[in-house]
Amino acid sequence: MEITVTTPFMAFGRRLEAGEVIDLPVAEAAYVVGLGRAAYVADADADEAPQGARRRKAKARVEAE
């Protein structure tokens, strides 16, 4: 999972600077993002949340019928 470094930190035996994009396993990426040292690259796509809401409403309509 790709993440963008927001605060410099050590990983892979070297210092990662702010703005670098690195690829980590999902669990490690979640840990680093949880610490506030990085952000998911997918966060740049702001349209993701409304699509989820539309899917839930459509599913609710199908269940109601």
C-alpha atoms as a PDB file:
ATOM      1  CA  MET A   1       0.000   0.000   0.000  1.00  0.00           C
ATOM      2  CA  GLU A   2       1.460   3.333  -0.991  1.00  0.00           C
ATOM      3  CA  ILE A   3       1.765   6.109   1.574  1.00  0.00           C
ATOM      4  CA  THR A   4       3.169   9.631   1.489  1.00  0.00           C
ATOM      5  CA  VAL A   5       5.545  10.581   4.295  1.00  0.00           C
ATOM      6  CA  THR A   6       4.335  13.709   6.133  1.00  0.00           C
ATOM      7  CA  THR A   7       6.880  13.762   8.986  1.00  0.00           C
ATOM      8  CA  PRO A   8      10.457  12.476   8.547  1.00  0.00           C
ATOM      9  CA  PHE A   9      11.162   9.101  10.199  1.00  0.00           C
ATOM     10  CA  MET A  10      13.530   6.140   9.975  1.00  0.00           C
ATOM     11  CA  ALA A  11      12.591   3.064   7.924  1.00  0.00           C
ATOM     12  CA  PHE A  12      14.512   0.505   5.879  1.00  0.00           C
ATOM     13  CA  GLY A  13      17.712   1.639   7.613  1.00  0.00           C
ATOM     14  CA  ARG A  14      17.515   5.176   6.234  1.00  0.00           C
ATOM     15  CA  ARG A  15      15.761   8.453   6.945  1.00  0.00           C
ATOM     16  CA  LEU A  16      12.606   9.049   4.914  1.00  0.00           C
ATOM     17  CA  GLU A  17      11.921  12.719   4.219  1.00  0.00           C
ATOM     18  CA  ALA A  18       8.525  14.423   4.020  1.00  0.00           C
ATOM     19  CA  GLY A  19       6.944  14.102   0.591  1.00  0.00           C
ATOM     20  CA  GLU A  20       8.454  10.708  -0.271  1.00  0.00           C
ATOM     21  CA  VAL A  21       6.050   8.030  -1.484  1.00  0.00           C
ATOM     22  CA  ILE A  22       6.841   4.527  -0.241  1.00  0.00           C
ATOM     23  CA  ASP A  23       5.206   1.124  -0.605  1.00  0.00           C
ATOM     24  CA  LEU A  24       4.584  -0.821   2.624  1.00  0.00           C
ATOM     25  CA  PRO A  25       2.541  -3.874   3.598  1.00  0.00           C
ATOM     26  CA  VAL A  26      -0.988  -2.934   4.705  1.00  0.00           C
ATOM     27  CA  ALA A  27      -0.377  -3.509   8.438  1.00  0.00           C
ATOM     28  CA  GLU A  28       2.819  -1.436   8.488  1.00  0.00           C
ATOM     29  CA  ALA A  29       1.188   1.347   6.468  1.00  0.00           C
ATOM     30  CA  ALA A  30      -1.744   1.465   8.901  1.00  0.00           C
ATOM     31  CA  TYR A  31       0.687   1.697  11.834  1.00  0.00           C
ATOM     32  CA  VAL A  32       2.676   4.573  10.310  1.00  0.00           C
ATOM     33  CA  VAL A  33      -0.494   6.458   9.316  1.00  0.00           C
ATOM     34  CA  GLY A  34      -1.886   5.888  12.823  1.00  0.00           C
ATOM     35  CA  LEU A  35       1.246   7.478  14.285  1.00  0.00           C
ATOM     36  CA  GLY A  36       0.613  10.526  12.102  1.00  0.00           C
ATOM     37  CA  ARG A  37       3.892  10.144  10.209  1.00  0.00           C
ATOM     38  CA  ALA A  38       2.283   9.473   6.815  1.00  0.00           C
ATOM     39  CA  ALA A  39      -0.960   9.655   4.830  1.00  0.00           C
ATOM     40  CA  TYR A  40      -2.478   7.188   2.411  1.00  0.00           C
ATOM     41  CA  VAL A  41      -1.963   8.089  -1.239  1.00  0.00           C
ATOM     42  CA  ALA A  42      -5.642   7.279  -1.844  1.00  0.00           C
ATOM     43  CA  ASP A  43      -6.608  10.125   0.558  1.00  0.00           C
ATOM     44  CA  ALA A  44      -6.088  12.541  -2.331  1.00  0.00           C
ATOM     45  CA  ASP A  45      -9.244  11.137  -3.969  1.00  0.00           C
ATOM     46  CA  ALA A  46     -12.020  12.983  -2.102  1.00  0.00           C
ATOM     47  CA  ASP A  47     -14.859  11.394  -4.129  1.00  0.00           C
ATOM     48  CA  GLU A  48     -14.549   8.017  -2.417  1.00  0.00           C
ATOM     49  CA  ALA A  49     -16.782   8.716   0.628  1.00  0.00           C
ATOM     50  CA  PRO A  50     -19.894   9.915  -1.246  1.00  0.00           C
ATOM     51  CA  GLN A  51     -19.781   6.861  -3.524  1.00  0.00           C
ATOM     52  CA  GLY A  52     -19.936   4.594  -0.482  1.00  0.00           C
ATOM     53  CA  ALA A  53     -22.998   6.428   0.780  1.00  0.00           C
ATOM     54  CA  ARG A  54     -24.732   6.043  -2.580  1.00  0.00           C
ATOM     55  CA  ARG A  55     -24.011   2.327  -2.631  1.00  0.00           C
ATOM     56  CA  ARG A  56     -25.519   1.860   0.810  1.00  0.00           C
ATOM     57  CA  LYS A  57     -28.688   3.734  -0.188  1.00  0.00           C
ATOM     58  CA  ALA A  58     -29.037   1.688  -3.365  1.00  0.00           C
ATOM     59  CA  LYS A  59     -28.611  -1.515  -1.373  1.00  0.00           C
ATOM     60  CA  ALA A  60     -31.267  -0.351   1.111  1.00  0.00           C
ATOM     61  CA  ARG A  61     -33.712   0.286  -1.746  1.00  0.00           C
ATOM     62  CA  VAL A  62     -33.125  -3.196  -3.151  1.00  0.00           C
ATOM     63  CA  GLU A  63     -33.732  -4.772   0.269  1.00  0.00           C
ATOM     64  CA  ALA A  64     -36.940  -2.739   0.703  1.00  0.00           C
ATOM     65  CA  GLU A  65     -38.448  -4.091  -2.523  1.00  0.00           C
END
